[in-house]
Amino acid sequence: MTTESAAAPSAAITPADGITLQRIARGGGYQGPNDGVPGVNTWKGLQQLVTGYGYTGAIDGLPGPITWKAVQRLASKGGYTGPIDGVMTVASWKGVQQILTGFGYAGAIDGIPGPLTNSALQVLARIGGYFGPYDGVLGPKSWKGVQTVVAGAGYTGPIDGVPGPNTWRALQRIAQRGGYAGPVDGVPGPNTYAGLAELLVRSEHD
């Protein structure tokens, strides 16, 4: 059984960096406040995000059953309780839309995907390296970003809400998509947070 030992206690995290972590944690189902004080639920969201919802397919930009099953696992963090069968129903999309409220989705939680849902998916895909427009048109680059998010970033520890080296190494891999060029050593520093924050900045200004 893998256990985590805290590499950076919450007390060492500035409020601004805490908000960055909480915003990214929404991709793993975190629905709490962005108050800059990461707690167990923030860390569970981050750990869930980097675990990747079980996606094992290719990062090819072509969504198929394996991608859709992973999206349904994501939807389960937004309240979806149906089967993980790769068939996106209204209930599946409602769960996805609930998660996407943390990524700019302001439409109805109606289970009917449209341009607003797709644009928010593109914002989520930013965490996975997508840097195209937020135009609501999901193409291969958008889907590669989504697939990268659901594939995870190398975290292999438990979803226990206790951040340790495995959690931080995975977050450093995500930070690389925002320009972080430091070591993947599980020891976060200003450059790790800067890389994570850059992903969010780009998502707001592109």
C-alpha atoms as a PDB file:
ATOM      1  CA  MET A   1       0.000   0.000   0.000  1.00  0.00           C
ATOM      2  CA  THR A   2       1.390   3.355  -1.032  1.00  0.00           C
ATOM      3  CA  THR A   3       1.296   6.088   1.553  1.00  0.00           C
ATOM      4  CA  GLU A   4       1.957   9.781   1.199  1.00  0.00           C
ATOM      5  CA  SER A   5       3.981  11.869   3.583  1.00  0.00           C
ATOM      6  CA  ALA A   6       3.441  15.601   3.431  1.00  0.00           C
ATOM      7  CA  ALA A   7       6.071  17.346   1.315  1.00  0.00           C
ATOM      8  CA  ALA A   8       4.634  20.825   1.767  1.00  0.00           C
ATOM      9  CA  PRO A   9       2.071  21.432   4.500  1.00  0.00           C
ATOM     10  CA  SER A  10      -0.808  23.753   3.733  1.00  0.00           C
ATOM     11  CA  ALA A  11       0.718  26.347   6.039  1.00  0.00           C
ATOM     12  CA  ALA A  12       3.548  26.788   3.529  1.00  0.00           C
ATOM     13  CA  ILE A  13       1.122  27.606   0.685  1.00  0.00           C
ATOM     14  CA  THR A  14       0.336  31.259   0.051  1.00  0.00           C
ATOM     15  CA  PRO A  15      -3.317  32.242  -0.459  1.00  0.00           C
ATOM     16  CA  ALA A  16      -2.690  33.025  -4.148  1.00  0.00           C
ATOM     17  CA  ASP A  17      -1.040  29.639  -4.716  1.00  0.00           C
ATOM     18  CA  GLY A  18      -3.828  27.956  -2.771  1.00  0.00           C
ATOM     19  CA  ILE A  19      -6.436  29.462  -5.073  1.00  0.00           C
ATOM     20  CA  THR A  20      -4.455  28.229  -8.092  1.00  0.00           C
ATOM     21  CA  LEU A  21      -4.470  24.710  -6.666  1.00  0.00           C
ATOM     22  CA  GLN A  22      -8.179  24.875  -5.875  1.00  0.00           C
ATOM     23  CA  ARG A  23      -9.065  26.058  -9.370  1.00  0.00           C
ATOM     24  CA  ILE A  24      -7.098  23.216 -10.945  1.00  0.00           C
ATOM     25  CA  ALA A  25      -8.599  20.751  -8.435  1.00  0.00           C
ATOM     26  CA  ARG A  26     -12.013  21.449  -9.952  1.00  0.00           C
ATOM     27  CA  GLY A  27     -10.932  19.206 -12.805  1.00  0.00           C
ATOM     28  CA  GLY A  28     -10.892  16.399 -10.237  1.00  0.00           C
ATOM     29  CA  GLY A  29     -14.291  17.166  -8.781  1.00  0.00           C
ATOM     30  CA  TYR A  30     -13.457  19.753  -6.113  1.00  0.00           C
ATOM     31  CA  GLN A  31     -16.536  21.902  -5.529  1.00  0.00           C
ATOM     32  CA  GLY A  32     -15.527  23.862  -2.449  1.00  0.00           C
ATOM     33  CA  PRO A  33     -14.662  27.547  -2.166  1.00  0.00           C
ATOM     34  CA  ASN A  34     -11.644  29.164  -3.790  1.00  0.00           C
ATOM     35  CA  ASP A  35     -10.486  30.547  -0.473  1.00  0.00           C
ATOM     36  CA  GLY A  36      -6.763  29.950  -0.833  1.00  0.00           C
ATOM     37  CA  VAL A  37      -6.669  27.382   1.969  1.00  0.00           C
ATOM     38  CA  PRO A  38      -6.395  23.903   0.396  1.00  0.00           C
ATOM     39  CA  GLY A  39      -7.975  21.250   2.570  1.00  0.00           C
ATOM     40  CA  VAL A  40      -8.612  17.543   2.217  1.00  0.00           C
ATOM     41  CA  ASN A  41     -11.251  18.054  -0.488  1.00  0.00           C
ATOM     42  CA  THR A  42      -8.909  20.227  -2.570  1.00  0.00           C
ATOM     43  CA  TRP A  43      -6.200  17.602  -2.375  1.00  0.00           C
ATOM     44  CA  LYS A  44      -8.583  14.781  -3.199  1.00  0.00           C
ATOM     45  CA  GLY A  45      -9.639  16.731  -6.287  1.00  0.00           C
ATOM     46  CA  LEU A  46      -6.030  17.223  -7.323  1.00  0.00           C
ATOM     47  CA  GLN A  47      -5.170  13.587  -6.689  1.00  0.00           C
ATOM     48  CA  GLN A  48      -8.225  12.468  -8.638  1.00  0.00           C
ATOM     49  CA  LEU A  49      -7.303  14.777 -11.510  1.00  0.00           C
ATOM     50  CA  VAL A  50      -3.791  13.441 -11.851  1.00  0.00           C
ATOM     51  CA  THR A  51      -4.920   9.848 -11.477  1.00  0.00           C
ATOM     52  CA  GLY A  52      -6.761  10.303 -14.720  1.00  0.00           C
ATOM     53  CA  TYR A  53     -10.120   8.567 -14.350  1.00  0.00           C
ATOM     54  CA  GLY A  54      -8.796   5.326 -15.757  1.00  0.00           C
ATOM     55  CA  TYR A  55      -8.092   6.478 -19.291  1.00  0.00           C
ATOM     56  CA  THR A  56      -5.706   4.091 -21.019  1.00  0.00           C
ATOM     57  CA  GLY A  57      -6.195   4.964 -24.662  1.00  0.00           C
ATOM     58  CA  ALA A  58      -4.097   6.931 -27.087  1.00  0.00           C
ATOM     59  CA  ILE A  59      -3.705  10.701 -26.892  1.00  0.00           C
ATOM     60  CA  ASP A  60      -4.806  10.976 -30.502  1.00  0.00           C
ATOM     61  CA  GLY A  61      -7.495  13.660 -30.418  1.00  0.00           C
ATOM     62  CA  LEU A  62     -10.143  11.187 -31.548  1.00  0.00           C
ATOM     63  CA  PRO A  63     -12.687  10.501 -28.815  1.00  0.00           C
ATOM     64  CA  GLY A  64     -13.931   6.926 -28.751  1.00  0.00           C
ATOM     65  CA  PRO A  65     -15.430   4.578 -26.154  1.00  0.00           C
ATOM     66  CA  ILE A  66     -12.331   4.629 -23.938  1.00  0.00           C
ATOM     67  CA  THR A  67     -12.284   8.431 -23.930  1.00  0.00           C
ATOM     68  CA  TRP A  68     -16.009   8.615 -23.230  1.00  0.00           C
ATOM     69  CA  LYS A  69     -15.744   6.130 -20.351  1.00  0.00           C
ATOM     70  CA  ALA A  70     -13.086   8.347 -18.817  1.00  0.00           C
ATOM     71  CA  VAL A  71     -15.312  11.384 -19.340  1.00  0.00           C
ATOM     72  CA  GLN A  72     -18.090   9.519 -17.529  1.00  0.00           C
ATOM     73  CA  ARG A  73     -15.712   8.908 -14.620  1.00  0.00           C
ATOM     74  CA  LEU A  74     -15.106  12.651 -14.634  1.00  0.00           C
ATOM     75  CA  ALA A  75     -18.884  13.155 -14.714  1.00  0.00           C
ATOM     76  CA  SER A  76     -19.236  10.967 -11.634  1.00  0.00           C
ATOM     77  CA  LYS A  77     -17.384  13.661  -9.705  1.00  0.00           C
ATOM     78  CA  GLY A  78     -20.174  16.006 -10.754  1.00  0.00           C
ATOM     79  CA  GLY A  79     -22.971  13.754  -9.547  1.00  0.00           C
ATOM     80  CA  TYR A  80     -23.351  11.260 -12.402  1.00  0.00           C
ATOM     81  CA  THR A  81     -24.342   7.835 -11.035  1.00  0.00           C
ATOM     82  CA  GLY A  82     -25.011   5.894 -14.236  1.00  0.00           C
ATOM     83  CA  PRO A  83     -22.964   3.189 -15.907  1.00  0.00           C
ATOM     84  CA  ILE A  84     -19.415   3.732 -17.154  1.00  0.00           C
ATOM     85  CA  ASP A  85     -20.187   2.375 -20.599  1.00  0.00           C
ATOM     86  CA  GLY A  86     -18.867   5.026 -22.980  1.00  0.00           C
ATOM     87  CA  VAL A  87     -22.373   6.069 -24.037  1.00  0.00           C
ATOM     88  CA  MET A  88     -22.898   9.709 -23.141  1.00  0.00           C
ATOM     89  CA  THR A  89     -26.467  10.300 -22.027  1.00  0.00           C
ATOM     90  CA  VAL A  90     -28.188  13.382 -20.644  1.00  0.00           C
ATOM     91  CA  ALA A  91     -27.225  12.239 -17.140  1.00  0.00           C
ATOM     92  CA  SER A  92     -23.570  11.872 -18.168  1.00  0.00           C
ATOM     93  CA  TRP A  93     -23.484  15.349 -19.639  1.00  0.00           C
ATOM     94  CA  LYS A  94     -25.154  16.849 -16.574  1.00  0.00           C
ATOM     95  CA  GLY A  95     -22.290  15.511 -14.474  1.00  0.00           C
ATOM     96  CA  VAL A  96     -19.764  16.912 -16.912  1.00  0.00           C
ATOM     97  CA  GLN A  97     -21.487  20.297 -16.948  1.00  0.00           C
ATOM     98  CA  GLN A  98     -21.437  20.371 -13.149  1.00  0.00           C
ATOM     99  CA  ILE A  99     -17.656  19.854 -13.178  1.00  0.00           C
ATOM    100  CA  LEU A 100     -17.270  22.454 -15.923  1.00  0.00           C
ATOM    101  CA  THR A 101     -18.838  25.166 -13.764  1.00  0.00           C
ATOM    102  CA  GLY A 102     -15.347  25.436 -12.314  1.00  0.00           C
ATOM    103  CA  PHE A 103     -13.995  26.097 -15.805  1.00  0.00           C
ATOM    104  CA  GLY A 104     -16.239  28.925 -16.882  1.00  0.00           C
ATOM    105  CA  TYR A 105     -19.400  27.032 -17.790  1.00  0.00           C
ATOM    106  CA  ALA A 106     -22.350  29.259 -16.969  1.00  0.00           C
ATOM    107  CA  GLY A 107     -25.074  27.490 -18.899  1.00  0.00           C
ATOM    108  CA  ALA A 108     -27.876  25.283 -17.654  1.00  0.00           C
ATOM    109  CA  ILE A 109     -27.095  21.900 -16.119  1.00  0.00           C
ATOM    110  CA  ASP A 110     -29.405  20.313 -18.653  1.00  0.00           C
ATOM    111  CA  GLY A 111     -27.318  17.483 -20.033  1.00  0.00           C
ATOM    112  CA  ILE A 112     -27.447  18.933 -23.532  1.00  0.00           C
ATOM    113  CA  PRO A 113     -23.914  19.734 -24.738  1.00  0.00           C
ATOM    114  CA  GLY A 114     -23.581  22.803 -26.897  1.00  0.00           C
ATOM    115  CA  PRO A 115     -21.102  25.608 -27.572  1.00  0.00           C
ATOM    116  CA  LEU A 116     -20.985  26.704 -23.912  1.00  0.00           C
ATOM    117  CA  THR A 117     -20.266  23.156 -22.747  1.00  0.00           C
ATOM    118  CA  ASN A 118     -17.671  22.683 -25.463  1.00  0.00           C
ATOM    119  CA  SER A 119     -15.938  25.976 -24.696  1.00  0.00           C
ATOM    120  CA  ALA A 120     -15.654  24.990 -21.028  1.00  0.00           C
ATOM    121  CA  LEU A 121     -14.259  21.609 -22.083  1.00  0.00           C
ATOM    122  CA  GLN A 122     -11.598  23.520 -24.003  1.00  0.00           C
ATOM    123  CA  VAL A 123     -10.749  25.428 -20.817  1.00  0.00           C
ATOM    124  CA  LEU A 124     -10.419  22.105 -18.980  1.00  0.00           C
ATOM    125  CA  ALA A 125      -8.278  20.850 -21.861  1.00  0.00           C
ATOM    126  CA  ARG A 126      -5.864  23.702 -21.118  1.00  0.00           C
ATOM    127  CA  ILE A 127      -4.620  21.681 -18.153  1.00  0.00           C
ATOM    128  CA  GLY A 128      -3.819  18.952 -20.664  1.00  0.00           C
ATOM    129  CA  GLY A 129      -1.828  21.250 -22.921  1.00  0.00           C
ATOM    130  CA  TYR A 130      -4.493  22.632 -25.287  1.00  0.00           C
ATOM    131  CA  PHE A 131      -3.674  26.175 -26.376  1.00  0.00           C
ATOM    132  CA  GLY A 132      -6.181  26.776 -29.151  1.00  0.00           C
ATOM    133  CA  PRO A 133      -9.207  29.076 -29.185  1.00  0.00           C
ATOM    134  CA  TYR A 134     -12.236  28.723 -26.933  1.00  0.00           C
ATOM    135  CA  ASP A 135     -14.656  28.626 -29.818  1.00  0.00           C
ATOM    136  CA  GLY A 136     -16.882  25.760 -28.740  1.00  0.00           C
ATOM    137  CA  VAL A 137     -15.720  23.638 -31.672  1.00  0.00           C
ATOM    138  CA  LEU A 138     -14.022  20.530 -30.325  1.00  0.00           C
ATOM    139  CA  GLY A 139     -11.337  19.410 -32.744  1.00  0.00           C
ATOM    140  CA  PRO A 140      -8.394  17.014 -32.394  1.00  0.00           C
ATOM    141  CA  LYS A 141      -6.302  19.527 -30.411  1.00  0.00           C
ATOM    142  CA  SER A 142      -9.118  20.117 -27.935  1.00  0.00           C
ATOM    143  CA  TRP A 143      -9.634  16.392 -27.524  1.00  0.00           C
ATOM    144  CA  LYS A 144      -5.930  15.736 -27.066  1.00  0.00           C
ATOM    145  CA  GLY A 145      -6.017  18.169 -24.163  1.00  0.00           C
ATOM    146  CA  VAL A 146      -9.054  16.462 -22.659  1.00  0.00           C
ATOM    147  CA  GLN A 147      -7.498  13.040 -23.175  1.00  0.00           C
ATOM    148  CA  THR A 148      -4.315  14.204 -21.466  1.00  0.00           C
ATOM    149  CA  VAL A 149      -6.308  15.430 -18.482  1.00  0.00           C
ATOM    150  CA  VAL A 150      -8.167  12.153 -18.103  1.00  0.00           C
ATOM    151  CA  ALA A 151      -5.000  10.158 -18.720  1.00  0.00           C
ATOM    152  CA  GLY A 152      -3.515  11.767 -15.645  1.00  0.00           C
ATOM    153  CA  ALA A 153      -0.036  12.989 -14.937  1.00  0.00           C
ATOM    154  CA  GLY A 154       1.706  10.065 -13.337  1.00  0.00           C
ATOM    155  CA  TYR A 155       0.177  10.032  -9.849  1.00  0.00           C
ATOM    156  CA  THR A 156       0.186   6.541  -8.368  1.00  0.00           C
ATOM    157  CA  GLY A 157      -0.689   7.154  -4.733  1.00  0.00           C
ATOM    158  CA  PRO A 158      -3.980   6.931  -2.885  1.00  0.00           C
ATOM    159  CA  ILE A 159      -6.829   9.418  -3.161  1.00  0.00           C
ATOM    160  CA  ASP A 160      -6.494  10.294   0.517  1.00  0.00           C
ATOM    161  CA  GLY A 161      -6.421  14.083   0.519  1.00  0.00           C
ATOM    162  CA  VAL A 162      -2.910  14.129   1.967  1.00  0.00           C
ATOM    163  CA  PRO A 163      -0.409  15.764  -0.416  1.00  0.00           C
ATOM    164  CA  GLY A 164       2.993  14.152  -0.618  1.00  0.00           C
ATOM    165  CA  PRO A 165       5.819  13.713  -3.141  1.00  0.00           C
ATOM    166  CA  ASN A 166       3.719  11.687  -5.619  1.00  0.00           C
ATOM    167  CA  THR A 167       1.017  14.351  -5.680  1.00  0.00           C
ATOM    168  CA  TRP A 168       3.538  17.140  -6.152  1.00  0.00           C
ATOM    169  CA  ARG A 169       5.486  15.338  -8.877  1.00  0.00           C
ATOM    170  CA  ALA A 170       2.262  14.927 -10.848  1.00  0.00           C
ATOM    171  CA  LEU A 171       1.428  18.603 -10.343  1.00  0.00           C
ATOM    172  CA  GLN A 172       4.907  19.549 -11.526  1.00  0.00           C
ATOM    173  CA  ARG A 173       4.254  17.557 -14.723  1.00  0.00           C
ATOM    174  CA  ILE A 174       1.075  19.563 -15.224  1.00  0.00           C
ATOM    175  CA  ALA A 175       3.013  22.764 -14.481  1.00  0.00           C
ATOM    176  CA  GLN A 176       5.369  21.891 -17.347  1.00  0.00           C
ATOM    177  CA  ARG A 177       2.451  22.629 -19.708  1.00  0.00           C
ATOM    178  CA  GLY A 178       2.500  26.148 -18.306  1.00  0.00           C
ATOM    179  CA  GLY A 179       6.227  26.621 -18.806  1.00  0.00           C
ATOM    180  CA  TYR A 180       7.686  25.055 -15.677  1.00  0.00           C
ATOM    181  CA  ALA A 181      11.184  23.837 -16.525  1.00  0.00           C
ATOM    182  CA  GLY A 182      12.416  22.778 -13.102  1.00  0.00           C
ATOM    183  CA  PRO A 183      12.932  19.302 -11.698  1.00  0.00           C
ATOM    184  CA  VAL A 184      10.078  16.856 -11.170  1.00  0.00           C
ATOM    185  CA  ASP A 185      11.184  16.147  -7.639  1.00  0.00           C
ATOM    186  CA  GLY A 186       7.996  16.426  -5.621  1.00  0.00           C
ATOM    187  CA  VAL A 187       9.235  19.584  -3.904  1.00  0.00           C
ATOM    188  CA  PRO A 188       7.110  22.543  -5.033  1.00  0.00           C
ATOM    189  CA  GLY A 189       8.601  26.002  -5.287  1.00  0.00           C
ATOM    190  CA  PRO A 190       7.619  29.338  -6.812  1.00  0.00           C
ATOM    191  CA  ASN A 191       8.314  28.096 -10.345  1.00  0.00           C
ATOM    192  CA  THR A 192       5.977  25.122  -9.896  1.00  0.00           C
ATOM    193  CA  TYR A 193       3.142  27.427  -8.836  1.00  0.00           C
ATOM    194  CA  ALA A 194       3.988  29.871 -11.617  1.00  0.00           C
ATOM    195  CA  GLY A 195       3.617  27.122 -14.219  1.00  0.00           C
ATOM    196  CA  LEU A 196       0.252  26.058 -12.804  1.00  0.00           C
ATOM    197  CA  ALA A 197      -0.934  29.655 -12.619  1.00  0.00           C
ATOM    198  CA  GLU A 198       0.138  30.288 -16.226  1.00  0.00           C
ATOM    199  CA  LEU A 199      -2.247  27.571 -17.418  1.00  0.00           C
ATOM    200  CA  LEU A 200      -5.095  29.407 -15.733  1.00  0.00           C
ATOM    201  CA  VAL A 201      -3.947  32.821 -16.999  1.00  0.00           C
ATOM    202  CA  ARG A 202      -3.831  31.560 -20.576  1.00  0.00           C
ATOM    203  CA  SER A 203      -7.289  30.050 -20.183  1.00  0.00           C
ATOM    204  CA  GLU A 204      -8.669  33.456 -19.207  1.00  0.00           C
ATOM    205  CA  HIS A 205      -6.976  35.547 -21.875  1.00  0.00           C
ATOM    206  CA  ASP A 206      -6.864  33.375 -25.000  1.00  0.00           C
END
